[in-house]
Amino acid sequence: EVITFSEVDYEGVRLPHDDPVVITLLVELFTMKRILIDSGSSADILYKHAFDQLRIPADQLKPLKTPLVGFAGETIHPLGSINLSVVAGTAPCQTQVEMTFLVVV
């Protein structure tokens, strides 16, 4: 299904805006709240704290040698990557995809 927004969704929003989109998704059967959608990002990031709460053994992480570079030039070395099942929406309008996340401290 295509997600669309109408004029009703702009109620109370000053235009033009650059507000982030924050959603809730089901990740590996756990409800994750406050997920930031950044369409300009080239990586899907999962913080170590959230990864630990999923109770997935750390040995499931695939090694990753490529560092991430932020806007200010800072370098972050991911702990690894992992493929996780992600469900968006509620039945009967939902979709499930597998996403690769980079786990960072």
N, C-alpha and C. Protein backbone atom coordinates (compact mmCIF):
# COMPACT_ATOMS: atom_id res chain seq x y z
N GLU A 1 0.83 -1.19 0.00
CA GLU A 1 0.00 0.00 0.00
C GLU A 1 0.87 1.25 0.00
N VAL A 2 0.41 2.26 -0.67
CA VAL A 2 1.11 3.53 -0.71
C VAL A 2 0.67 4.37 0.48
N ILE A 3 1.64 4.97 1.16
CA ILE A 3 1.33 5.88 2.27
C ILE A 3 1.25 7.28 1.70
N THR A 4 0.12 7.94 1.92
CA THR A 4 -0.06 9.30 1.42
C THR A 4 -0.51 10.21 2.55
N PHE A 5 -0.30 11.50 2.37
CA PHE A 5 -0.71 12.49 3.35
C PHE A 5 -1.65 13.46 2.67
N SER A 6 -2.66 13.91 3.40
CA SER A 6 -3.62 14.87 2.85
C SER A 6 -3.50 16.19 3.61
N GLU A 7 -4.31 17.16 3.22
CA GLU A 7 -4.31 18.46 3.88
C GLU A 7 -4.61 18.33 5.37
N VAL A 8 -5.42 17.34 5.76
CA VAL A 8 -5.77 17.13 7.16
C VAL A 8 -4.51 16.84 7.99
N ASP A 9 -3.56 16.15 7.39
CA ASP A 9 -2.33 15.80 8.10
C ASP A 9 -1.46 17.02 8.38
N TYR A 10 -1.68 18.11 7.66
CA TYR A 10 -0.89 19.32 7.86
C TYR A 10 -1.49 20.25 8.91
N GLU A 11 -2.57 19.84 9.53
CA GLU A 11 -3.22 20.68 10.53
C GLU A 11 -2.24 20.99 11.66
N GLY A 12 -2.03 22.27 11.93
CA GLY A 12 -1.13 22.69 12.99
C GLY A 12 0.34 22.74 12.59
N VAL A 13 0.65 22.46 11.33
CA VAL A 13 2.03 22.47 10.86
C VAL A 13 2.28 23.76 10.09
N ARG A 14 3.35 24.45 10.45
CA ARG A 14 3.71 25.67 9.73
C ARG A 14 4.53 25.28 8.51
N LEU A 15 4.13 25.74 7.35
CA LEU A 15 4.84 25.42 6.13
C LEU A 15 5.74 26.58 5.74
N PRO A 16 6.87 26.40 5.12
CA PRO A 16 7.50 25.11 4.89
C PRO A 16 8.04 24.56 6.20
N HIS A 17 8.20 23.26 6.30
CA HIS A 17 8.69 22.65 7.53
C HIS A 17 9.77 21.63 7.21
N ASP A 18 10.55 21.30 8.22
CA ASP A 18 11.56 20.25 8.09
C ASP A 18 11.51 19.32 9.30
N ASP A 19 10.29 19.12 9.79
CA ASP A 19 10.10 18.26 10.95
C ASP A 19 10.45 16.82 10.60
N PRO A 20 11.08 16.12 11.54
CA PRO A 20 11.38 14.71 11.29
C PRO A 20 10.11 13.87 11.36
N VAL A 21 10.14 12.73 10.70
CA VAL A 21 9.04 11.77 10.79
C VAL A 21 9.47 10.71 11.78
N VAL A 22 8.69 10.51 12.83
CA VAL A 22 8.99 9.53 13.86
C VAL A 22 7.82 8.55 13.91
N ILE A 23 8.14 7.24 13.82
CA ILE A 23 7.09 6.22 13.77
C ILE A 23 7.38 5.10 14.76
N THR A 24 6.42 4.17 14.86
CA THR A 24 6.56 2.96 15.67
C THR A 24 6.49 1.77 14.72
N LEU A 25 7.41 0.81 14.87
CA LEU A 25 7.44 -0.38 14.05
C LEU A 25 7.61 -1.61 14.92
N LEU A 26 7.26 -2.75 14.37
CA LEU A 26 7.50 -4.03 15.02
C LEU A 26 8.80 -4.59 14.45
N VAL A 27 9.82 -4.73 15.29
CA VAL A 27 11.12 -5.24 14.86
C VAL A 27 11.38 -6.54 15.61
N GLU A 28 11.48 -7.65 14.88
CA GLU A 28 11.68 -8.97 15.48
C GLU A 28 10.68 -9.22 16.61
N LEU A 29 9.42 -8.87 16.34
CA LEU A 29 8.29 -9.08 17.26
C LEU A 29 8.33 -8.18 18.50
N PHE A 30 9.21 -7.19 18.53
CA PHE A 30 9.24 -6.21 19.60
C PHE A 30 8.77 -4.87 19.05
N THR A 31 7.94 -4.17 19.80
CA THR A 31 7.48 -2.85 19.38
C THR A 31 8.57 -1.83 19.68
N MET A 32 9.05 -1.16 18.62
CA MET A 32 10.05 -0.12 18.79
C MET A 32 9.38 1.22 18.52
N LYS A 33 9.46 2.10 19.51
CA LYS A 33 8.87 3.42 19.38
C LYS A 33 9.95 4.44 19.09
N ARG A 34 9.55 5.57 18.59
CA ARG A 34 10.44 6.69 18.30
C ARG A 34 11.51 6.35 17.28
N ILE A 35 11.11 5.73 16.18
CA ILE A 35 12.03 5.44 15.09
C ILE A 35 12.05 6.65 14.16
N LEU A 36 13.23 7.22 13.98
CA LEU A 36 13.38 8.40 13.14
C LEU A 36 13.58 7.97 11.70
N ILE A 37 12.75 8.49 10.82
CA ILE A 37 12.89 8.25 9.39
C ILE A 37 13.65 9.42 8.79
N ASP A 38 14.80 9.13 8.21
CA ASP A 38 15.63 10.14 7.57
C ASP A 38 15.89 9.67 6.15
N SER A 39 15.13 10.19 5.22
CA SER A 39 15.24 9.73 3.83
C SER A 39 16.58 10.12 3.19
N GLY A 40 17.35 10.97 3.86
CA GLY A 40 18.64 11.36 3.32
C GLY A 40 19.78 10.48 3.81
N SER A 41 19.48 9.57 4.72
CA SER A 41 20.52 8.71 5.27
C SER A 41 20.79 7.53 4.36
N SER A 42 22.05 7.11 4.32
CA SER A 42 22.40 5.97 3.47
C SER A 42 22.51 4.68 4.28
N ALA A 43 22.20 4.72 5.58
CA ALA A 43 22.31 3.53 6.42
C ALA A 43 21.14 3.47 7.39
N ASP A 44 20.75 2.25 7.74
CA ASP A 44 19.73 2.03 8.76
C ASP A 44 20.47 1.69 10.05
N ILE A 45 20.36 2.57 11.03
CA ILE A 45 21.14 2.48 12.26
C ILE A 45 20.28 1.91 13.39
N LEU A 46 20.88 1.01 14.17
CA LEU A 46 20.25 0.47 15.37
C LEU A 46 21.28 0.65 16.49
N TYR A 47 20.90 1.39 17.52
CA TYR A 47 21.83 1.62 18.62
C TYR A 47 21.96 0.35 19.46
N LYS A 48 23.16 0.16 20.04
CA LYS A 48 23.48 -1.04 20.81
C LYS A 48 22.48 -1.27 21.93
N HIS A 49 22.03 -0.21 22.58
CA HIS A 49 21.06 -0.34 23.67
C HIS A 49 19.77 -1.00 23.17
N ALA A 50 19.28 -0.57 22.02
CA ALA A 50 18.06 -1.17 21.44
C ALA A 50 18.34 -2.60 20.99
N PHE A 51 19.51 -2.83 20.40
CA PHE A 51 19.90 -4.18 19.98
C PHE A 51 19.90 -5.13 21.18
N ASP A 52 20.46 -4.68 22.30
CA ASP A 52 20.51 -5.52 23.51
C ASP A 52 19.11 -5.87 24.00
N GLN A 53 18.17 -4.95 23.87
CA GLN A 53 16.80 -5.21 24.33
C GLN A 53 16.09 -6.23 23.46
N LEU A 54 16.57 -6.43 22.23
CA LEU A 54 15.99 -7.47 21.36
C LEU A 54 16.45 -8.87 21.79
N ARG A 55 17.42 -8.93 22.68
CA ARG A 55 17.96 -10.19 23.20
C ARG A 55 18.50 -11.12 22.10
N ILE A 56 19.11 -10.51 21.11
CA ILE A 56 19.77 -11.27 20.05
C ILE A 56 21.23 -11.40 20.45
N PRO A 57 21.79 -12.61 20.43
CA PRO A 57 23.20 -12.77 20.80
C PRO A 57 24.11 -11.93 19.90
N ALA A 58 25.12 -11.31 20.51
CA ALA A 58 26.04 -10.45 19.77
C ALA A 58 26.79 -11.21 18.69
N ASP A 59 26.91 -12.53 18.84
CA ASP A 59 27.62 -13.30 17.81
C ASP A 59 26.82 -13.43 16.52
N GLN A 60 25.58 -12.94 16.53
CA GLN A 60 24.75 -12.90 15.31
C GLN A 60 25.14 -11.73 14.41
N LEU A 61 25.88 -10.76 14.96
CA LEU A 61 26.31 -9.61 14.17
C LEU A 61 27.34 -10.04 13.14
N LYS A 62 27.17 -9.54 11.92
CA LYS A 62 28.15 -9.80 10.86
C LYS A 62 29.21 -8.71 10.93
N PRO A 63 30.49 -9.11 10.88
CA PRO A 63 31.57 -8.10 10.95
C PRO A 63 31.44 -7.07 9.82
N LEU A 64 31.81 -5.86 10.15
CA LEU A 64 31.72 -4.76 9.18
C LEU A 64 32.95 -3.88 9.36
N LYS A 65 33.70 -3.66 8.30
CA LYS A 65 34.93 -2.89 8.39
C LYS A 65 34.76 -1.44 7.95
N THR A 66 33.67 -1.15 7.27
CA THR A 66 33.47 0.20 6.73
C THR A 66 32.96 1.14 7.83
N PRO A 67 33.68 2.23 8.10
CA PRO A 67 33.21 3.19 9.11
C PRO A 67 32.09 4.08 8.55
N LEU A 68 31.32 4.65 9.46
CA LEU A 68 30.31 5.64 9.10
C LEU A 68 30.90 7.02 9.35
N VAL A 69 30.63 7.95 8.44
CA VAL A 69 31.12 9.32 8.61
C VAL A 69 29.92 10.25 8.70
N GLY A 70 29.87 11.02 9.80
CA GLY A 70 28.77 11.94 10.03
C GLY A 70 28.94 13.24 9.28
N PHE A 71 27.94 14.13 9.42
CA PHE A 71 27.97 15.41 8.72
C PHE A 71 29.15 16.27 9.15
N ALA A 72 29.54 16.17 10.41
CA ALA A 72 30.64 16.99 10.91
C ALA A 72 31.99 16.33 10.69
N GLY A 73 31.99 15.18 10.00
CA GLY A 73 33.24 14.50 9.71
C GLY A 73 33.66 13.46 10.74
N GLU A 74 32.87 13.31 11.81
CA GLU A 74 33.22 12.33 12.84
C GLU A 74 33.04 10.91 12.28
N THR A 75 33.89 10.00 12.74
CA THR A 75 33.87 8.63 12.26
C THR A 75 33.35 7.70 13.36
N ILE A 76 32.44 6.83 13.00
CA ILE A 76 31.89 5.83 13.92
C ILE A 76 32.14 4.47 13.31
N HIS A 77 32.66 3.56 14.12
CA HIS A 77 32.89 2.19 13.65
C HIS A 77 31.77 1.30 14.16
N PRO A 78 30.88 0.82 13.27
CA PRO A 78 29.78 -0.05 13.69
C PRO A 78 30.31 -1.33 14.34
N LEU A 79 29.54 -1.86 15.27
CA LEU A 79 29.88 -3.13 15.90
C LEU A 79 29.65 -4.28 14.93
N GLY A 80 28.79 -4.06 13.94
CA GLY A 80 28.48 -5.06 12.93
C GLY A 80 27.14 -4.76 12.30
N SER A 81 26.70 -5.67 11.43
CA SER A 81 25.40 -5.51 10.78
C SER A 81 24.55 -6.74 11.07
N ILE A 82 23.24 -6.57 10.95
CA ILE A 82 22.32 -7.68 11.18
C ILE A 82 21.05 -7.46 10.37
N ASN A 83 20.51 -8.55 9.84
CA ASN A 83 19.24 -8.51 9.12
C ASN A 83 18.12 -8.80 10.11
N LEU A 84 17.12 -7.92 10.14
CA LEU A 84 16.00 -8.08 11.06
C LEU A 84 14.68 -7.93 10.32
N SER A 85 13.68 -8.64 10.80
CA SER A 85 12.33 -8.55 10.24
C SER A 85 11.64 -7.31 10.81
N VAL A 86 11.06 -6.51 9.93
CA VAL A 86 10.38 -5.27 10.33
C VAL A 86 8.97 -5.29 9.76
N VAL A 87 7.98 -5.01 10.63
CA VAL A 87 6.58 -4.97 10.22
C VAL A 87 6.07 -3.54 10.42
N ALA A 88 5.46 -2.99 9.38
CA ALA A 88 4.86 -1.66 9.45
C ALA A 88 3.37 -1.78 9.21
N GLY A 89 2.59 -1.00 9.97
CA GLY A 89 1.15 -1.00 9.79
C GLY A 89 0.46 -2.01 10.68
N THR A 90 -0.86 -2.06 10.53
CA THR A 90 -1.67 -3.03 11.28
C THR A 90 -2.55 -3.78 10.29
N ALA A 91 -2.86 -5.02 10.65
CA ALA A 91 -3.68 -5.85 9.77
C ALA A 91 -5.02 -5.16 9.53
N PRO A 92 -5.54 -5.20 8.34
CA PRO A 92 -5.07 -5.92 7.17
C PRO A 92 -4.11 -5.11 6.30
N CYS A 93 -3.79 -3.89 6.72
CA CYS A 93 -2.89 -3.04 5.91
C CYS A 93 -1.52 -2.99 6.56
N GLN A 94 -0.74 -4.02 6.35
CA GLN A 94 0.61 -4.04 6.89
C GLN A 94 1.55 -4.70 5.90
N THR A 95 2.82 -4.43 6.11
CA THR A 95 3.84 -5.03 5.27
C THR A 95 5.00 -5.48 6.13
N GLN A 96 5.66 -6.54 5.70
CA GLN A 96 6.81 -7.06 6.42
C GLN A 96 8.00 -7.10 5.46
N VAL A 97 9.12 -6.57 5.91
CA VAL A 97 10.34 -6.57 5.11
C VAL A 97 11.52 -6.98 5.99
N GLU A 98 12.59 -7.43 5.35
CA GLU A 98 13.83 -7.68 6.07
C GLU A 98 14.75 -6.52 5.78
N MET A 99 15.30 -5.94 6.85
CA MET A 99 16.17 -4.78 6.71
C MET A 99 17.52 -5.09 7.33
N THR A 100 18.57 -4.53 6.74
CA THR A 100 19.91 -4.65 7.29
C THR A 100 20.22 -3.42 8.12
N PHE A 101 20.49 -3.63 9.41
CA PHE A 101 20.82 -2.55 10.31
C PHE A 101 22.29 -2.58 10.66
N LEU A 102 22.88 -1.40 10.81
CA LEU A 102 24.23 -1.27 11.33
C LEU A 102 24.09 -0.97 12.81
N VAL A 103 24.71 -1.78 13.66
CA VAL A 103 24.61 -1.61 15.11
C VAL A 103 25.78 -0.73 15.55
N VAL A 104 25.45 0.36 16.26
CA VAL A 104 26.46 1.31 16.72
C VAL A 104 26.26 1.60 18.19
N VAL A 105 27.36 2.05 18.84
CA VAL A 105 27.31 2.40 20.27
C VAL A 105 26.74 3.79 20.42
